Every structure is written in structure tokens, then in C-alpha cells.
Amino acid sequence: MKISLLTVTLFLSVLPNLSTSHDYLSVANSSKNISPKNGAMLTPINSDKPVIKLYPQIRIKESNKPSFVPMNLLKNFMTYPTIIENDEIKNSPYIIGNSKNTYFYLPGDRIYANNLINTGRYIIYRPNKDITDPETGKSIGQEIVYVGEAKTIEPHNINRRLVRDNMAQEKLPQNERYSSATILGQKAPPFIKIPTKMAHPLIVTKAVAEISKGDKLLLVPENSNKNFHFTPHPAANSFQAQIIHVFEGIGQHIGKYQTVLLNKGTAQGLDRGAIVSIYEKLPNTTWVDSSNIEKITVKNIAFPVNLVGKAIVYNLSDNMAYALIIENYDNAYIQIGNFATGKGQDLEDIPEYEPH
């Protein structure tokens, strides 16, 4: 059957979503073979009119690519905390010496710790910098310096690690026992006993900086690898926090794939995997209209909020959260003091702040 060009034109005009570009449709005359790119084959015949064969195709349109979280960047942050709350630091076990009586301790050295109860693997750290919540002015914890790792040493008979009599079990903490007293260098009579705390032995397994007496210990949970699994999802609409610290940052500006600290956590409904939007809002300023000398007007000028990026929360505690910057829009500067929220914001939603 011969199809006129007018018929083809009318037929194409009613086909939904069909493009007549050369990617999908071409015409052949009786003297040339034309091979379109995307599969339409044209067969010329002995006629003045072209024959058109159309083959259905699927057009794949590239949309915005999803942001992938580089887990290798998070590994150390998720395994070892970089901010520890003050109460936890206060109650942490700490190194009181080693078997060689040296000042610095190396991998393989036996060390002893005070206040250590649980056995297992420990990170060795020392407090470095106080972190303050700008909303309350109170300290929420200390940034720590990770200096190494150690593991506890168990005796061959675990039940003989600390021998405690009945009176010690009733009256003393778990890691204490009664021992003989010494008076003026002389051993006291057997009925005189004093409470004695037992130091726990460990072996240094890793050192990335100088390890010395007074450094603190933090138990590494057995299920620490489970922290690597979380599902990204939007934070609650009502959530609002502030960036109060940046880790391993150079200067004041924060870039993509850097970790920041938020001053809100699980107590405010935040959870692991929450994605927050980051906004900046400059403080209001004043403008003096002196065009009319008889009536000089002073007006308050507010700057609109500016969406500068997005971040994903990957670790958190009651009142603080670690978040990785995953988007930095239009090369905008993300700074300490910017606000992280769970929804789009307008001018009145975000308080003014002075940039850090």
C-alpha cells in the first residue's frame, strides 16, 4: 500500500510523545539509503513516494543522579567518636602506668588501667578541646585526640582475676577487695584490712601518637560494625539544629564530604540516616533613607535565608549528632553557625546569627 506524505504527517501528529527528530524518524527517497541512529530502518522502493517503517523504542532520560555516601570517609568517625560527653570522660578508665616504668608506651607494652571493669578492646584517647552549645552556652563535651588502641589481658583462670571474700562482695565495688594494711612500713596484723582497687592489665595494640600515663580508655562495642548500616531519609519537619563544630577543617569554610557536629540528637527526635538541609541567614541591617532631608527614614532590612547544602546524620548521642556534608550548592560557603533543618524554610523560621 502506498502512503502519501500528507497521510504520514497526519498520522504522526496524533501519536503521543513521538519525536520526529532523526533519532526516531527519517525519510528515504528512491535513490539513497538512510540509516537513522536509533533503529528505524528505511527501505526505498520504486516509487516517487517514500516508505517509512517505524520501530517502537524506549527513550531513557537521565535524571538527577543520587548522592552516594562515601562510607570510607565515615569509617573512622563511625568506629571511634571524636566528641565525648563530659560525664563519660569523667567516669572513663585511665592509664596509671606500665610494667617497664617508661614514660611513653609502644605497641606490645603491658599497661595498667584504673576504673576498668569490662574486658575487650579499647581506644586510647585524651581530651583536647571543649565544645560549647551556642544556644545554651554550656559545654556538651570534649573533642578528643585518638592516640591508639589496647586490649585487656585475661588470666588463664578468669575466676581468679580478682579474689574477693564475702565481706568484700557485700561492701565493696566490683573491682575492689580487702588486702593487708601496712603501718609505718610494717605489715599490720591480719585483722586490719583496707579496701584495695585492682588495676587491670592491657596490651597496647596500636599507637598513632604518644601514649602516656593519664590517657583515657573507651570500650569499643562488639557490634560497632552495625553502625555502618542505615537508610537515608528526610529529617522530621520540626527538627532544627545548628552546626557548632567541624572536624579536620581548614579555615572557617566547610566543604563537601566534611563532617560537622550538630547541637541536637536523639533527645530531639533525630536518628541515624536523617538528611537535613543547611541554611544561612545573615543578621538584619539598617538602611537610612536620606533622600528627603525633611524626613530621614531608618528602616530595618532582613536578608533572605539561603540554602547552602545538605548533610546526612550517621552517628549521634542524646544531645549531639555527626553529619556528613553531601551537597554544597552553587559553591556556597557552609560555616559554623549555619542552621540544619528538616524542611524548607522561610524568612521567619531561622533565627539570626553572627557568622562564626
Protein backbone atom coordinates (compact mmCIF):
# COMPACT_ATOMS: atom_id res chain seq x y z
CA MET A 1 0.00 0.00 0.00
CA LYS A 2 1.30 3.44 -0.87
CA ILE A 3 1.20 6.10 1.79
CA SER A 4 1.21 9.73 0.84
CA LEU A 5 3.44 12.18 2.72
CA LEU A 6 0.35 14.04 3.88
CA THR A 7 -1.04 10.84 5.42
CA VAL A 8 2.21 10.20 7.29
CA THR A 9 2.25 13.76 8.59
CA LEU A 10 -1.29 13.49 9.89
CA PHE A 11 -0.57 10.09 11.42
CA LEU A 12 2.48 11.37 13.28
CA SER A 13 0.59 14.37 14.60
CA VAL A 14 -1.69 12.16 16.68
CA LEU A 15 0.99 9.87 18.08
CA PRO A 16 1.67 10.86 21.70
CA ASN A 17 5.21 11.60 22.79
CA LEU A 18 6.77 10.71 19.41
CA SER A 19 9.62 12.87 18.27
CA THR A 20 10.21 13.46 14.55
CA SER A 21 13.89 14.11 15.03
CA HIS A 22 16.36 11.99 13.07
CA ASP A 23 16.84 9.89 16.20
CA TYR A 24 13.39 8.35 15.68
CA LEU A 25 12.19 9.08 12.19
CA SER A 26 13.86 9.58 8.83
CA VAL A 27 12.74 9.57 5.24
CA ALA A 28 14.34 7.76 2.30
CA ASN A 29 13.95 8.64 -1.31
CA SER A 30 14.33 6.25 -4.21
CA SER A 31 18.00 6.99 -4.72
CA LYS A 32 19.50 6.82 -1.21
CA ASN A 33 19.55 4.53 1.80
CA ILE A 34 19.39 6.33 5.14
CA SER A 35 20.19 4.58 8.42
CA PRO A 36 18.90 6.51 11.42
CA LYS A 37 20.76 6.14 14.70
CA ASN A 38 18.16 4.58 16.94
CA GLY A 39 16.90 1.62 14.99
CA ALA A 40 14.39 2.92 12.42
CA MET A 41 15.01 1.11 9.14
CA LEU A 42 14.03 2.71 5.86
CA THR A 43 13.54 0.74 2.69
CA PRO A 44 13.30 2.68 -0.57
CA ILE A 45 11.04 1.27 -3.30
CA ASN A 46 10.48 2.07 -6.92
CA SER A 47 8.20 4.94 -6.29
CA ASP A 48 8.17 8.70 -6.07
CA LYS A 49 6.75 8.39 -2.56
CA PRO A 50 8.86 7.30 0.42
CA VAL A 51 8.08 4.27 2.55
CA ILE A 52 8.52 4.79 6.26
CA LYS A 53 8.96 1.99 8.78
CA LEU A 54 8.76 2.93 12.45
CA TYR A 55 10.11 0.74 15.22
CA PRO A 56 9.00 1.48 18.81
CA GLN A 57 11.84 2.40 21.12
CA ILE A 58 12.27 3.30 24.77
CA ARG A 59 13.80 6.66 25.43
CA ILE A 60 15.94 6.73 28.58
CA LYS A 61 16.16 10.15 30.12
CA GLU A 62 18.99 10.82 32.54
CA SER A 63 17.64 12.37 35.72
CA ASN A 64 19.49 13.82 38.66
CA LYS A 65 21.95 11.28 39.93
CA PRO A 66 21.52 10.31 43.58
CA SER A 67 24.14 11.35 46.07
CA PHE A 68 26.16 8.39 47.27
CA VAL A 69 27.64 8.43 50.74
CA PRO A 70 31.39 7.61 50.65
CA MET A 71 31.48 5.14 53.52
CA ASN A 72 35.29 5.06 53.60
CA LEU A 73 35.22 8.68 54.76
CA LEU A 74 32.93 7.77 57.62
CA LYS A 75 34.71 4.64 58.80
CA ASN A 76 36.92 6.22 61.45
CA PHE A 77 34.23 8.64 62.60
CA MET A 78 31.68 5.84 62.94
CA THR A 79 34.06 3.47 64.71
CA TYR A 80 35.63 5.96 67.08
CA PRO A 81 33.83 9.02 68.45
CA THR A 82 35.56 12.37 68.19
CA ILE A 83 33.38 14.12 70.77
CA ILE A 84 32.76 12.53 74.16
CA GLU A 85 30.33 13.92 76.70
CA ASN A 86 31.80 15.29 79.90
CA ASP A 87 30.18 12.74 82.22
CA GLU A 88 31.57 9.86 80.17
CA ILE A 89 35.06 11.36 80.22
CA LYS A 90 34.83 11.83 83.98
CA ASN A 91 33.99 8.14 84.50
CA SER A 92 36.37 6.73 81.87
CA PRO A 93 39.12 4.27 82.85
CA TYR A 94 42.62 5.74 82.51
CA ILE A 95 46.21 4.52 82.28
CA ILE A 96 48.17 4.59 85.55
CA GLY A 97 51.47 3.07 84.41
CA ASN A 98 53.21 0.21 82.65
CA SER A 99 55.38 -2.75 83.57
CA LYS A 100 58.61 -1.13 82.28
CA ASN A 101 58.09 2.15 84.14
CA THR A 102 58.71 4.15 80.95
CA TYR A 103 57.10 7.47 80.11
CA PHE A 104 55.73 6.55 76.67
CA TYR A 105 54.09 3.26 75.73
CA LEU A 106 54.52 1.39 72.45
CA PRO A 107 52.64 -1.49 70.75
CA GLY A 108 53.32 -4.69 72.69
CA ASP A 109 53.80 -2.92 76.03
CA ARG A 110 51.80 -4.06 79.03
CA ILE A 111 49.96 -1.18 80.66
CA TYR A 112 47.67 -0.91 83.67
CA ALA A 113 44.38 0.96 83.93
CA ASN A 114 42.33 2.26 86.82
CA ASN A 115 38.50 2.10 86.95
CA LEU A 116 38.38 -0.54 84.20
CA ILE A 117 35.67 -3.14 84.71
CA ASN A 118 34.67 -4.51 81.29
CA THR A 119 37.05 -6.60 79.22
CA GLY A 120 37.55 -6.17 75.49
CA ARG A 121 39.10 -3.75 73.01
CA TYR A 122 39.65 -0.12 73.98
CA ILE A 123 40.63 3.04 72.16
CA ILE A 124 43.14 5.27 73.92
CA TYR A 125 42.40 8.99 73.82
CA ARG A 126 42.97 12.29 75.56
CA PRO A 127 40.57 15.25 75.81
CA ASN A 128 41.65 18.17 73.64
CA LYS A 129 39.04 20.91 73.22
CA ASP A 130 35.82 21.90 74.93
CA ILE A 131 32.75 22.10 72.67
CA THR A 132 30.07 24.61 73.70
CA ASP A 133 26.43 24.77 72.61
CA PRO A 134 25.85 28.36 71.37
CA GLU A 135 22.17 28.19 72.31
CA THR A 136 22.76 27.41 75.98
CA GLY A 137 26.38 28.44 76.46
CA LYS A 138 27.01 25.10 78.18
CA SER A 139 29.69 22.55 77.37
CA ILE A 140 28.31 19.45 75.66
CA GLY A 141 31.56 17.52 75.56
CA GLN A 142 35.21 17.40 74.63
CA GLU A 143 36.82 16.88 71.26
CA ILE A 144 39.29 14.07 71.77
CA VAL A 145 42.61 13.08 70.24
CA TYR A 146 42.75 9.41 69.25
CA VAL A 147 46.23 8.09 70.13
CA GLY A 148 45.96 4.31 69.92
CA GLU A 149 44.30 1.07 70.96
CA ALA A 150 44.71 -1.63 73.59
CA LYS A 151 43.06 -4.88 74.60
CA THR A 152 42.59 -6.39 78.03
CA ILE A 153 44.66 -9.34 79.19
CA GLU A 154 42.75 -12.19 80.77
CA PRO A 155 44.27 -14.68 83.24
CA HIS A 156 44.25 -18.37 82.40
CA ASN A 157 41.54 -18.82 85.00
CA ILE A 158 39.06 -15.97 84.63
CA ASN A 159 37.61 -16.68 88.06
CA ARG A 160 40.97 -15.94 89.71
CA ARG A 161 41.41 -12.44 88.27
CA LEU A 162 40.09 -10.82 91.46
CA VAL A 163 39.59 -12.93 94.58
CA ARG A 164 37.04 -11.34 96.92
CA ASP A 165 35.84 -12.66 100.25
CA ASN A 166 32.22 -12.48 101.38
CA MET A 167 32.67 -9.18 103.19
CA ALA A 168 34.20 -7.56 100.08
CA GLN A 169 31.35 -8.80 97.92
CA GLU A 170 28.85 -7.26 100.32
CA LYS A 171 30.52 -3.90 100.98
CA LEU A 172 32.94 -3.03 98.16
CA PRO A 173 32.54 -2.13 94.47
CA GLN A 174 33.03 -4.84 91.87
CA ASN A 175 36.69 -4.05 91.16
CA GLU A 176 37.84 -3.79 94.81
CA ARG A 177 38.86 -6.25 97.51
CA TYR A 178 40.30 -6.16 101.02
CA SER A 179 44.06 -6.50 101.40
CA SER A 180 46.56 -6.38 104.23
CA ALA A 181 47.47 -2.97 105.56
CA THR A 182 50.93 -1.52 106.10
CA ILE A 183 51.63 0.78 109.04
CA LEU A 184 54.93 2.73 109.13
CA GLY A 185 56.42 0.30 106.67
CA GLN A 186 55.42 -2.70 108.70
CA LYS A 187 52.74 -5.22 107.85
CA ALA A 188 49.69 -4.70 110.04
CA PRO A 189 48.01 -7.51 111.99
CA PRO A 190 45.79 -9.79 109.86
CA PHE A 191 42.55 -8.39 111.28
CA ILE A 192 43.37 -4.94 109.83
CA LYS A 193 42.27 -4.84 106.20
CA ILE A 194 41.95 -1.91 103.80
CA PRO A 195 39.87 -1.61 100.60
CA THR A 196 42.13 -2.03 97.57
CA LYS A 197 41.27 -1.25 93.98
CA MET A 198 42.74 -3.60 91.38
CA ALA A 199 44.49 -2.23 88.31
CA HIS A 200 43.62 -4.10 85.12
CA PRO A 201 46.36 -5.15 82.67
CA LEU A 202 46.15 -4.40 78.94
CA ILE A 203 48.41 -4.77 75.90
CA VAL A 204 48.93 -1.80 73.60
CA THR A 205 47.98 -2.98 70.09
CA LYS A 206 48.23 0.27 68.12
CA ALA A 207 49.83 3.68 68.58
CA VAL A 208 49.28 6.65 66.25
CA ALA A 209 50.65 9.21 68.73
CA GLU A 210 52.44 9.26 72.07
CA ILE A 211 50.63 7.15 74.68
CA SER A 212 51.39 8.03 78.29
CA LYS A 213 50.15 7.93 81.86
CA GLY A 214 46.77 9.62 82.31
CA ASP A 215 45.44 8.85 78.82
CA LYS A 216 41.86 7.62 78.94
CA LEU A 217 40.24 4.45 77.63
CA LEU A 218 36.94 3.92 75.84
CA LEU A 219 35.47 0.47 75.26
CA VAL A 220 34.77 -0.36 71.60
CA PRO A 221 31.33 -2.05 71.35
CA GLU A 222 31.30 -5.54 69.85
CA ASN A 223 28.57 -4.51 67.39
CA SER A 224 30.36 -1.35 66.22
CA ASN A 225 30.23 -2.55 62.58
CA LYS A 226 26.43 -2.39 62.65
CA ASN A 227 26.68 1.39 62.72
CA PHE A 228 27.64 1.28 59.05
CA HIS A 229 24.12 0.27 58.04
CA PHE A 230 21.47 2.98 57.90
CA THR A 231 18.79 4.13 55.49
CA PRO A 232 18.82 7.76 54.29
CA HIS A 233 15.51 9.54 54.95
CA PRO A 234 14.30 13.12 55.49
CA ALA A 235 14.55 14.51 59.00
CA ALA A 236 11.32 15.47 60.75
CA ASN A 237 9.83 18.76 59.59
CA SER A 238 10.06 20.21 63.08
CA PHE A 239 13.75 19.45 63.51
CA GLN A 240 16.16 22.37 63.76
CA ALA A 241 19.77 22.38 64.93
CA GLN A 242 22.93 24.39 64.47
CA ILE A 243 26.39 23.49 63.18
CA ILE A 244 28.71 24.04 66.13
CA HIS A 245 31.93 22.32 65.06
CA VAL A 246 33.76 20.95 62.01
CA PHE A 247 36.26 18.10 62.09
CA GLU A 248 39.57 18.22 60.24
CA GLY A 249 38.59 21.56 58.74
CA ILE A 250 41.00 24.15 57.38
CA GLY A 251 39.74 27.68 57.92
CA GLN A 252 36.13 28.64 58.53
CA HIS A 253 34.53 27.32 55.35
CA ILE A 254 33.15 23.79 55.26
CA GLY A 255 33.19 21.76 52.04
CA LYS A 256 31.60 18.63 50.64
CA TYR A 257 32.36 15.36 52.45
CA GLN A 258 33.47 17.07 55.64
CA THR A 259 31.97 16.04 58.97
CA VAL A 260 30.20 18.59 61.15
CA LEU A 261 28.71 18.43 64.64
CA LEU A 262 25.09 19.42 65.32
CA ASN A 263 23.88 20.53 68.75
CA LYS A 264 20.83 18.24 68.71
CA GLY A 265 20.49 14.46 68.92
CA THR A 266 18.16 11.61 69.79
CA ALA A 267 16.54 13.64 72.58
CA GLN A 268 15.15 15.94 69.87
CA GLY A 269 13.91 13.08 67.67
CA LEU A 270 16.91 12.80 65.35
CA ASP A 271 18.05 9.39 64.14
CA ARG A 272 20.79 7.84 62.03
CA GLY A 273 20.35 8.39 58.28
CA ALA A 274 18.34 11.61 58.62
CA ILE A 275 19.02 14.12 55.83
CA VAL A 276 18.94 17.77 56.83
CA SER A 277 19.03 20.96 54.77
CA ILE A 278 21.58 23.59 55.71
CA TYR A 279 20.67 27.27 55.60
CA GLU A 280 22.43 30.53 56.27
CA LYS A 281 20.82 33.78 57.31
CA LEU A 282 22.81 36.93 57.86
CA PRO A 283 21.86 39.32 60.65
CA ASN A 284 19.49 42.15 59.82
CA THR A 285 20.95 45.52 58.97
CA THR A 286 19.64 49.08 58.81
CA TRP A 287 19.22 51.42 55.85
CA VAL A 288 19.00 55.18 56.17
CA ASP A 289 16.86 56.92 53.56
CA SER A 290 18.12 60.49 53.38
CA SER A 291 16.63 61.36 50.01
CA ASN A 292 14.17 63.64 51.79
CA ILE A 293 16.13 65.93 54.11
CA GLU A 294 12.97 66.95 55.93
CA LYS A 295 12.12 63.34 56.73
CA ILE A 296 15.05 60.97 57.19
CA THR A 297 13.84 57.38 57.49
CA VAL A 298 15.67 54.47 59.09
CA LYS A 299 14.46 51.03 58.01
CA ASN A 300 15.34 47.53 59.09
CA ILE A 301 16.50 45.24 56.26
CA ALA A 302 16.38 41.46 56.57
CA PHE A 303 18.33 39.10 54.34
CA PRO A 304 16.51 36.05 52.98
CA VAL A 305 17.62 32.60 54.00
CA ASN A 306 19.92 30.82 51.60
CA LEU A 307 20.01 27.05 51.10
CA VAL A 308 23.72 26.23 51.05
CA GLY A 309 23.80 22.44 51.30
CA LYS A 310 22.58 19.12 52.66
CA ALA A 311 24.02 16.71 55.20
CA ILE A 312 23.29 13.17 56.36
CA VAL A 313 23.42 12.16 60.03
CA TYR A 314 25.46 8.99 60.53
CA ASN A 315 26.13 8.90 64.26
CA LEU A 316 24.61 10.61 67.27
CA SER A 317 24.02 10.68 71.02
CA ASP A 318 21.38 12.30 73.20
CA ASN A 319 22.30 15.91 72.51
CA MET A 320 24.66 15.96 69.55
CA ALA A 321 24.98 14.40 66.11
CA TYR A 322 27.67 13.81 63.50
CA ALA A 323 26.64 14.71 59.94
CA LEU A 324 28.46 14.42 56.61
CA ILE A 325 28.08 17.25 54.09
CA ILE A 326 26.78 15.57 50.91
CA GLU A 327 25.75 18.64 48.90
CA ASN A 328 27.25 22.10 48.63
CA TYR A 329 25.02 24.21 46.38
CA ASP A 330 26.50 26.74 43.95
CA ASN A 331 29.83 26.63 45.78
CA ALA A 332 28.17 28.44 48.68
CA TYR A 333 30.08 28.68 51.92
CA ILE A 334 28.89 26.42 54.74
CA GLN A 335 30.03 27.77 58.10
CA ILE A 336 29.87 27.04 61.79
CA GLY A 337 26.66 28.69 62.91
CA ASN A 338 24.57 27.66 59.88
CA PHE A 339 21.25 26.00 60.70
CA ALA A 340 20.29 22.43 59.81
CA THR A 341 16.57 21.80 59.40
CA GLY A 342 14.17 19.12 58.31
CA LYS A 343 12.06 21.18 55.92
CA GLY A 344 12.15 24.15 53.58
CA GLN A 345 12.43 27.41 55.46
CA ASP A 346 11.13 30.93 55.03
CA LEU A 347 12.48 34.18 56.42
CA GLU A 348 10.99 33.85 59.90
CA ASP A 349 11.82 30.21 60.54
CA ILE A 350 15.52 30.65 61.15
CA PRO A 351 16.92 32.96 63.83
CA GLU A 352 19.57 35.48 63.02
CA TYR A 353 23.14 34.63 63.91
CA GLU A 354 26.54 36.13 63.59
CA PRO A 355 28.72 34.00 61.26
CA HIS A 356 31.49 32.17 63.10
